[in-house]
Amino acid sequence: TTGLNNIERGASDPKASTLRALQEALEAAGIIFEAAGQ
């Protein structure tokens, strides 16, 4: 939770794998990330 808090506040520079894990968790919960062309 501390790691996520730091990421959301911009206090840390997350690894790509961490952002990927967050994106996958959000997608599994029902979020769709739309690309620029959409």
All heavy atoms as atom14 arrays in JSON, in Angstrom:
{
  "sequence": "TTGLNNIERGASDPKASTLRALQEALEAAGIIFEAAGQ",
  "atom14_mask": [
    [1, 1, 1, 1, 1, 1, 1, 0, 0, 0, 0, 0, 0, 0],
    [1, 1, 1, 1, 1, 1, 1, 0, 0, 0, 0, 0, 0, 0],
    [1, 1, 1, 1, 0, 0, 0, 0, 0, 0, 0, 0, 0, 0],
    [1, 1, 1, 1, 1, 1, 1, 1, 0, 0, 0, 0, 0, 0],
    [1, 1, 1, 1, 1, 1, 1, 1, 0, 0, 0, 0, 0, 0],
    [1, 1, 1, 1, 1, 1, 1, 1, 0, 0, 0, 0, 0, 0],
    [1, 1, 1, 1, 1, 1, 1, 1, 0, 0, 0, 0, 0, 0],
    [1, 1, 1, 1, 1, 1, 1, 1, 1, 0, 0, 0, 0, 0],
    [1, 1, 1, 1, 1, 1, 1, 1, 1, 1, 1, 0, 0, 0],
    [1, 1, 1, 1, 0, 0, 0, 0, 0, 0, 0, 0, 0, 0],
    [1, 1, 1, 1, 1, 0, 0, 0, 0, 0, 0, 0, 0, 0],
    [1, 1, 1, 1, 1, 1, 0, 0, 0, 0, 0, 0, 0, 0],
    [1, 1, 1, 1, 1, 1, 1, 1, 0, 0, 0, 0, 0, 0],
    [1, 1, 1, 1, 1, 1, 1, 0, 0, 0, 0, 0, 0, 0],
    [1, 1, 1, 1, 1, 1, 1, 1, 1, 0, 0, 0, 0, 0],
    [1, 1, 1, 1, 1, 0, 0, 0, 0, 0, 0, 0, 0, 0],
    [1, 1, 1, 1, 1, 1, 0, 0, 0, 0, 0, 0, 0, 0],
    [1, 1, 1, 1, 1, 1, 1, 0, 0, 0, 0, 0, 0, 0],
    [1, 1, 1, 1, 1, 1, 1, 1, 0, 0, 0, 0, 0, 0],
    [1, 1, 1, 1, 1, 1, 1, 1, 1, 1, 1, 0, 0, 0],
    [1, 1, 1, 1, 1, 0, 0, 0, 0, 0, 0, 0, 0, 0],
    [1, 1, 1, 1, 1, 1, 1, 1, 0, 0, 0, 0, 0, 0],
    [1, 1, 1, 1, 1, 1, 1, 1, 1, 0, 0, 0, 0, 0],
    [1, 1, 1, 1, 1, 1, 1, 1, 1, 0, 0, 0, 0, 0],
    [1, 1, 1, 1, 1, 0, 0, 0, 0, 0, 0, 0, 0, 0],
    [1, 1, 1, 1, 1, 1, 1, 1, 0, 0, 0, 0, 0, 0],
    [1, 1, 1, 1, 1, 1, 1, 1, 1, 0, 0, 0, 0, 0],
    [1, 1, 1, 1, 1, 0, 0, 0, 0, 0, 0, 0, 0, 0],
    [1, 1, 1, 1, 1, 0, 0, 0, 0, 0, 0, 0, 0, 0],
    [1, 1, 1, 1, 0, 0, 0, 0, 0, 0, 0, 0, 0, 0],
    [1, 1, 1, 1, 1, 1, 1, 1, 0, 0, 0, 0, 0, 0],
    [1, 1, 1, 1, 1, 1, 1, 1, 0, 0, 0, 0, 0, 0],
    [1, 1, 1, 1, 1, 1, 1, 1, 1, 1, 1, 0, 0, 0],
    [1, 1, 1, 1, 1, 1, 1, 1, 1, 0, 0, 0, 0, 0],
    [1, 1, 1, 1, 1, 0, 0, 0, 0, 0, 0, 0, 0, 0],
    [1, 1, 1, 1, 1, 0, 0, 0, 0, 0, 0, 0, 0, 0],
    [1, 1, 1, 1, 0, 0, 0, 0, 0, 0, 0, 0, 0, 0],
    [1, 1, 1, 1, 1, 1, 1, 1, 1, 0, 0, 0, 0, 0]
  ],
  "atom14_positions": [
    [[0.84, -1.2, 0.0], [0.0, 0.0, 0.0], [0.87, 1.25, 0.0], [0.57, 2.22, -0.7], [-0.94, 0.0, 1.22], [-1.73, -1.2, 1.19], [-1.86, 1.2, 1.22], [0.0, 0.0, 0.0], [0.0, 0.0, 0.0], [0.0, 0.0, 0.0], [0.0, 0.0, 0.0], [0.0, 0.0, 0.0], [0.0, 0.0, 0.0], [0.0, 0.0, 0.0]],
    [[1.96, 1.21, 0.74], [2.88, 2.34, 0.76], [3.46, 2.58, -0.62], [3.58, 3.73, -1.07], [4.02, 2.1, 1.77], [3.45, 1.91, 3.07], [4.99, 3.26, 1.81], [0.0, 0.0, 0.0], [0.0, 0.0, 0.0], [0.0, 0.0, 0.0], [0.0, 0.0, 0.0], [0.0, 0.0, 0.0], [0.0, 0.0, 0.0], [0.0, 0.0, 0.0]],
    [[3.81, 1.51, -1.31], [4.34, 1.64, -2.66], [3.34, 2.29, -3.6], [3.68, 3.17, -4.39], [0.0, 0.0, 0.0], [0.0, 0.0, 0.0], [0.0, 0.0, 0.0], [0.0, 0.0, 0.0], [0.0, 0.0, 0.0], [0.0, 0.0, 0.0], [0.0, 0.0, 0.0], [0.0, 0.0, 0.0], [0.0, 0.0, 0.0], [0.0, 0.0, 0.0]],
    [[2.07, 1.85, -3.53], [1.04, 2.44, -4.38], [0.82, 3.9, -4.02], [0.69, 4.75, -4.91], [-0.27, 1.65, -4.26], [-1.45, 2.21, -5.05], [-1.12, 2.35, -6.54], [-2.68, 1.35, -4.86], [0.0, 0.0, 0.0], [0.0, 0.0, 0.0], [0.0, 0.0, 0.0], [0.0, 0.0, 0.0], [0.0, 0.0, 0.0], [0.0, 0.0, 0.0]],
    [[0.8, 4.2, -2.74], [0.64, 5.58, -2.31], [1.75, 6.45, -2.89], [1.49, 7.55, -3.4], [0.61, 5.66, -0.78], [0.42, 7.08, -0.3], [1.37, 7.84, -0.2], [-0.82, 7.42, 0.01], [0.0, 0.0, 0.0], [0.0, 0.0, 0.0], [0.0, 0.0, 0.0], [0.0, 0.0, 0.0], [0.0, 0.0, 0.0], [0.0, 0.0, 0.0]],
    [[2.97, 5.98, -2.82], [4.11, 6.73, -3.35], [4.0, 6.92, -4.87], [4.32, 7.99, -5.4], [5.43, 6.05, -3.01], [5.79, 6.16, -1.55], [5.31, 7.06, -0.85], [6.6, 5.24, -1.07], [0.0, 0.0, 0.0], [0.0, 0.0, 0.0], [0.0, 0.0, 0.0], [0.0, 0.0, 0.0], [0.0, 0.0, 0.0], [0.0, 0.0, 0.0]],
    [[3.53, 5.89, -5.56], [3.35, 5.99, -7.01], [2.29, 7.03, -7.34], [2.5, 7.91, -8.18], [2.96, 4.61, -7.61], [4.13, 3.64, -7.52], [2.5, 4.77, -9.07], [3.76, 2.19, -7.8], [0.0, 0.0, 0.0], [0.0, 0.0, 0.0], [0.0, 0.0, 0.0], [0.0, 0.0, 0.0], [0.0, 0.0, 0.0], [0.0, 0.0, 0.0]],
    [[1.14, 6.96, -6.68], [0.05, 7.89, -6.96], [0.41, 9.33, -6.63], [-0.08, 10.25, -7.27], [-1.23, 7.47, -6.24], [-1.89, 6.27, -6.86], [-3.31, 6.05, -6.36], [-3.78, 6.79, -5.48], [-3.95, 5.11, -6.86], [0.0, 0.0, 0.0], [0.0, 0.0, 0.0], [0.0, 0.0, 0.0], [0.0, 0.0, 0.0], [0.0, 0.0, 0.0]],
    [[1.25, 9.53, -5.64], [1.67, 10.89, -5.28], [2.81, 11.39, -6.17], [3.19, 12.55, -6.11], [2.14, 10.94, -3.82], [1.03, 10.81, -2.82], [1.51, 10.99, -1.38], [2.53, 10.03, -0.99], [3.81, 10.33, -0.72], [4.23, 11.57, -0.79], [4.66, 9.39, -0.39], [0.0, 0.0, 0.0], [0.0, 0.0, 0.0], [0.0, 0.0, 0.0]],
    [[3.37, 10.5, -6.99], [4.49, 10.89, -7.83], [5.8, 10.93, -7.07], [6.78, 11.51, -7.53], [0.0, 0.0, 0.0], [0.0, 0.0, 0.0], [0.0, 0.0, 0.0], [0.0, 0.0, 0.0], [0.0, 0.0, 0.0], [0.0, 0.0, 0.0], [0.0, 0.0, 0.0], [0.0, 0.0, 0.0], [0.0, 0.0, 0.0], [0.0, 0.0, 0.0]],
    [[5.82, 10.29, -5.89], [7.0, 10.32, -5.04], [8.0, 9.21, -5.39], [9.1, 9.17, -4.84], [6.6, 10.19, -3.57], [0.0, 0.0, 0.0], [0.0, 0.0, 0.0], [0.0, 0.0, 0.0], [0.0, 0.0, 0.0], [0.0, 0.0, 0.0], [0.0, 0.0, 0.0], [0.0, 0.0, 0.0], [0.0, 0.0, 0.0], [0.0, 0.0, 0.0]],
    [[7.6, 8.3, -6.29], [8.52, 7.26, -6.71], [8.35, 7.02, -8.2], [7.32, 7.37, -8.79], [8.26, 5.95, -5.94], [7.03, 5.39, -6.32], [0.0, 0.0, 0.0], [0.0, 0.0, 0.0], [0.0, 0.0, 0.0], [0.0, 0.0, 0.0], [0.0, 0.0, 0.0], [0.0, 0.0, 0.0], [0.0, 0.0, 0.0], [0.0, 0.0, 0.0]],
    [[9.37, 6.46, -8.8], [9.37, 6.14, -10.22], [9.2, 4.63, -10.34], [10.17, 3.89, -10.21], [10.68, 6.61, -10.85], [10.7, 6.46, -12.35], [9.62, 6.36, -12.96], [11.8, 6.45, -12.92], [0.0, 0.0, 0.0], [0.0, 0.0, 0.0], [0.0, 0.0, 0.0], [0.0, 0.0, 0.0], [0.0, 0.0, 0.0], [0.0, 0.0, 0.0]],
    [[7.96, 4.17, -10.58], [7.71, 2.72, -10.57], [8.34, 2.0, -11.75], [8.5, 2.57, -12.84], [6.19, 2.63, -10.63], [5.77, 3.89, -11.3], [6.76, 4.93, -10.87], [0.0, 0.0, 0.0], [0.0, 0.0, 0.0], [0.0, 0.0, 0.0], [0.0, 0.0, 0.0], [0.0, 0.0, 0.0], [0.0, 0.0, 0.0], [0.0, 0.0, 0.0]],
    [[8.69, 0.75, -11.5], [9.19, -0.11, -12.57], [8.05, -0.39, -13.54], [6.88, -0.37, -13.17], [9.69, -1.44, -11.99], [10.89, -1.33, -11.11], [11.25, -2.71, -10.6], [12.45, -2.66, -9.68], [12.78, -3.99, -9.16], [0.0, 0.0, 0.0], [0.0, 0.0, 0.0], [0.0, 0.0, 0.0], [0.0, 0.0, 0.0], [0.0, 0.0, 0.0]],
    [[8.41, -0.72, -14.77], [7.42, -1.07, -15.77], [6.6, -2.27, -15.31], [5.38, -2.33, -15.52], [8.08, -1.35, -17.11], [0.0, 0.0, 0.0], [0.0, 0.0, 0.0], [0.0, 0.0, 0.0], [0.0, 0.0, 0.0], [0.0, 0.0, 0.0], [0.0, 0.0, 0.0], [0.0, 0.0, 0.0], [0.0, 0.0, 0.0], [0.0, 0.0, 0.0]],
    [[7.25, -3.22, -14.65], [6.53, -4.42, -14.19], [5.49, -4.08, -13.12], [4.43, -4.7, -13.06], [7.52, -5.46, -13.65], [8.26, -4.93, -12.57], [0.0, 0.0, 0.0], [0.0, 0.0, 0.0], [0.0, 0.0, 0.0], [0.0, 0.0, 0.0], [0.0, 0.0, 0.0], [0.0, 0.0, 0.0], [0.0, 0.0, 0.0], [0.0, 0.0, 0.0]],
    [[5.76, -3.07, -12.31], [4.8, -2.65, -11.29], [3.59, -1.99, -11.95], [2.44, -2.28, -11.59], [5.45, -1.68, -10.29], [6.55, -2.34, -9.66], [4.46, -1.21, -9.23], [0.0, 0.0, 0.0], [0.0, 0.0, 0.0], [0.0, 0.0, 0.0], [0.0, 0.0, 0.0], [0.0, 0.0, 0.0], [0.0, 0.0, 0.0], [0.0, 0.0, 0.0]],
    [[3.84, -1.12, -12.92], [2.73, -0.48, -13.63], [1.91, -1.51, -14.39], [0.69, -1.42, -14.45], [3.26, 0.59, -14.59], [3.8, 1.86, -13.93], [4.37, 2.79, -14.99], [2.72, 2.55, -13.12], [0.0, 0.0, 0.0], [0.0, 0.0, 0.0], [0.0, 0.0, 0.0], [0.0, 0.0, 0.0], [0.0, 0.0, 0.0], [0.0, 0.0, 0.0]],
    [[2.59, -2.51, -14.94], [1.89, -3.58, -15.66], [0.99, -4.36, -14.7], [-0.16, -4.68, -15.02], [2.9, -4.5, -16.33], [2.4, -5.2, -17.56], [3.45, -5.91, -18.39], [4.75, -6.19, -17.8], [5.85, -5.45, -17.99], [5.81, -4.39, -18.77], [6.99, -5.77, -17.42], [0.0, 0.0, 0.0], [0.0, 0.0, 0.0], [0.0, 0.0, 0.0]],
    [[1.49, -4.65, -13.5], [0.7, -5.37, -12.5], [-0.52, -4.55, -12.07], [-1.62, -5.1, -11.92], [1.56, -5.71, -11.28], [0.0, 0.0, 0.0], [0.0, 0.0, 0.0], [0.0, 0.0, 0.0], [0.0, 0.0, 0.0], [0.0, 0.0, 0.0], [0.0, 0.0, 0.0], [0.0, 0.0, 0.0], [0.0, 0.0, 0.0], [0.0, 0.0, 0.0]],
    [[-0.35, -3.26, -11.92], [-1.47, -2.39, -11.56], [-2.49, -2.34, -12.69], [-3.7, -2.44, -12.46], [-0.97, -0.98, -11.23], [-0.23, -0.86, -9.9], [0.55, 0.43, -9.83], [-1.22, -0.96, -8.74], [0.0, 0.0, 0.0], [0.0, 0.0, 0.0], [0.0, 0.0, 0.0], [0.0, 0.0, 0.0], [0.0, 0.0, 0.0], [0.0, 0.0, 0.0]],
    [[-2.02, -2.21, -13.93], [-2.91, -2.17, -15.07], [-3.69, -3.48, -15.18], [-4.91, -3.47, -15.4], [-2.15, -1.91, -16.37], [-3.05, -1.82, -17.58], [-2.32, -1.38, -18.84], [-1.22, -0.87, -18.79], [-2.96, -1.57, -19.98], [0.0, 0.0, 0.0], [0.0, 0.0, 0.0], [0.0, 0.0, 0.0], [0.0, 0.0, 0.0], [0.0, 0.0, 0.0]],
    [[-3.03, -4.6, -15.02], [-3.7, -5.9, -15.1], [-4.75, -6.05, -14.0], [-5.84, -6.58, -14.24], [-2.67, -7.03, -15.05], [-1.84, -7.12, -16.31], [-0.68, -8.1, -16.21], [-0.51, -8.75, -15.15], [0.07, -8.2, -17.19], [0.0, 0.0, 0.0], [0.0, 0.0, 0.0], [0.0, 0.0, 0.0], [0.0, 0.0, 0.0], [0.0, 0.0, 0.0]],
    [[-4.44, -5.58, -12.8], [-5.39, -5.65, -11.7], [-6.62, -4.79, -11.98], [-7.76, -5.19, -11.72], [-4.73, -5.23, -10.39], [0.0, 0.0, 0.0], [0.0, 0.0, 0.0], [0.0, 0.0, 0.0], [0.0, 0.0, 0.0], [0.0, 0.0, 0.0], [0.0, 0.0, 0.0], [0.0, 0.0, 0.0], [0.0, 0.0, 0.0], [0.0, 0.0, 0.0]],
    [[-6.39, -3.61, -12.54], [-7.5, -2.71, -12.87], [-8.35, -3.29, -14.01], [-9.58, -3.21, -13.98], [-6.98, -1.33, -13.23], [-6.4, -0.54, -12.05], [-5.59, 0.65, -12.55], [-7.51, -0.09, -11.1], [0.0, 0.0, 0.0], [0.0, 0.0, 0.0], [0.0, 0.0, 0.0], [0.0, 0.0, 0.0], [0.0, 0.0, 0.0], [0.0, 0.0, 0.0]],
    [[-7.7, -3.87, -15.0], [-8.43, -4.48, -16.11], [-9.25, -5.67, -15.63], [-10.4, -5.85, -16.05], [-7.47, -4.89, -17.22], [-6.9, -3.7, -17.97], [-5.8, -4.04, -18.96], [-5.17, -5.12, -18.83], [-5.58, -3.23, -19.86], [0.0, 0.0, 0.0], [0.0, 0.0, 0.0], [0.0, 0.0, 0.0], [0.0, 0.0, 0.0], [0.0, 0.0, 0.0]],
    [[-8.7, -6.46, -14.73], [-9.43, -7.61, -14.18], [-10.65, -7.16, -13.38], [-11.64, -7.87, -13.3], [-8.5, -8.45, -13.3], [0.0, 0.0, 0.0], [0.0, 0.0, 0.0], [0.0, 0.0, 0.0], [0.0, 0.0, 0.0], [0.0, 0.0, 0.0], [0.0, 0.0, 0.0], [0.0, 0.0, 0.0], [0.0, 0.0, 0.0], [0.0, 0.0, 0.0]],
    [[-10.57, -5.94, -12.83], [-11.67, -5.4, -12.04], [-12.71, -4.69, -12.91], [-13.75, -4.26, -12.4], [-11.13, -4.44, -10.98], [0.0, 0.0, 0.0], [0.0, 0.0, 0.0], [0.0, 0.0, 0.0], [0.0, 0.0, 0.0], [0.0, 0.0, 0.0], [0.0, 0.0, 0.0], [0.0, 0.0, 0.0], [0.0, 0.0, 0.0], [0.0, 0.0, 0.0]],
    [[-12.44, -4.55, -14.22], [-13.45, -3.99, -15.1], [-13.09, -2.71, -15.82], [-13.96, -2.08, -16.43], [0.0, 0.0, 0.0], [0.0, 0.0, 0.0], [0.0, 0.0, 0.0], [0.0, 0.0, 0.0], [0.0, 0.0, 0.0], [0.0, 0.0, 0.0], [0.0, 0.0, 0.0], [0.0, 0.0, 0.0], [0.0, 0.0, 0.0], [0.0, 0.0, 0.0]],
    [[-11.84, -2.31, -15.8], [-11.42, -1.09, -16.49], [-10.89, -1.44, -17.88], [-10.2, -2.44, -18.06], [-10.32, -0.34, -15.69], [-10.9, 0.24, -14.41], [-9.64, 0.74, -16.53], [-11.89, 1.38, -14.59], [0.0, 0.0, 0.0], [0.0, 0.0, 0.0], [0.0, 0.0, 0.0], [0.0, 0.0, 0.0], [0.0, 0.0, 0.0], [0.0, 0.0, 0.0]],
    [[-11.22, -0.59, -18.85], [-10.65, -0.69, -20.19], [-9.84, 0.57, -20.44], [-10.34, 1.69, -20.26], [-11.75, -0.83, -21.25], [-12.5, -2.15, -21.06], [-11.16, -0.73, -22.66], [-13.68, -2.33, -21.96], [0.0, 0.0, 0.0], [0.0, 0.0, 0.0], [0.0, 0.0, 0.0], [0.0, 0.0, 0.0], [0.0, 0.0, 0.0], [0.0, 0.0, 0.0]],
    [[-8.6, 0.4, -20.82], [-7.73, 1.52, -21.18], [-7.83, 1.7, -22.69], [-7.57, 0.76, -23.44], [-6.29, 1.25, -20.74], [-6.14, 1.22, -19.25], [-6.25, 0.03, -18.55], [-5.91, 2.38, -18.54], [-6.13, -0.01, -17.17], [-5.8, 2.36, -17.16], [-5.91, 1.16, -16.47], [0.0, 0.0, 0.0], [0.0, 0.0, 0.0], [0.0, 0.0, 0.0]],
    [[-8.23, 2.89, -23.11], [-8.44, 3.15, -24.52], [-7.23, 3.85, -25.12], [-6.7, 4.8, -24.55], [-9.7, 4.0, -24.71], [-10.93, 3.25, -24.24], [-12.21, 4.04, -24.4], [-12.18, 5.27, -24.19], [-13.23, 3.42, -24.71], [0.0, 0.0, 0.0], [0.0, 0.0, 0.0], [0.0, 0.0, 0.0], [0.0, 0.0, 0.0], [0.0, 0.0, 0.0]],
    [[-6.82, 3.37, -26.28], [-5.65, 3.94, -26.97], [-6.02, 5.27, -27.62], [-7.19, 5.57, -27.84], [-5.16, 2.96, -28.03], [0.0, 0.0, 0.0], [0.0, 0.0, 0.0], [0.0, 0.0, 0.0], [0.0, 0.0, 0.0], [0.0, 0.0, 0.0], [0.0, 0.0, 0.0], [0.0, 0.0, 0.0], [0.0, 0.0, 0.0], [0.0, 0.0, 0.0]],
    [[-5.0, 6.04, -27.96], [-5.19, 7.37, -28.52], [-6.09, 7.36, -29.74], [-6.92, 8.24, -29.93], [-3.84, 7.98, -28.86], [0.0, 0.0, 0.0], [0.0, 0.0, 0.0], [0.0, 0.0, 0.0], [0.0, 0.0, 0.0], [0.0, 0.0, 0.0], [0.0, 0.0, 0.0], [0.0, 0.0, 0.0], [0.0, 0.0, 0.0], [0.0, 0.0, 0.0]],
    [[-5.99, 6.36, -30.59], [-6.79, 6.3, -31.8], [-8.28, 6.12, -31.54], [-9.1, 6.38, -32.4], [0.0, 0.0, 0.0], [0.0, 0.0, 0.0], [0.0, 0.0, 0.0], [0.0, 0.0, 0.0], [0.0, 0.0, 0.0], [0.0, 0.0, 0.0], [0.0, 0.0, 0.0], [0.0, 0.0, 0.0], [0.0, 0.0, 0.0], [0.0, 0.0, 0.0]],
    [[-8.62, 5.69, -30.32], [-10.02, 5.45, -29.98], [-10.68, 6.68, -29.35], [-11.88, 6.71, -29.19], [-10.12, 4.28, -29.01], [-9.66, 2.96, -29.62], [-9.59, 1.87, -28.59], [-8.85, 1.97, -27.62], [-10.38, 0.83, -28.78], [0.0, 0.0, 0.0], [0.0, 0.0, 0.0], [0.0, 0.0, 0.0], [0.0, 0.0, 0.0], [0.0, 0.0, 0.0]]
  ]
}
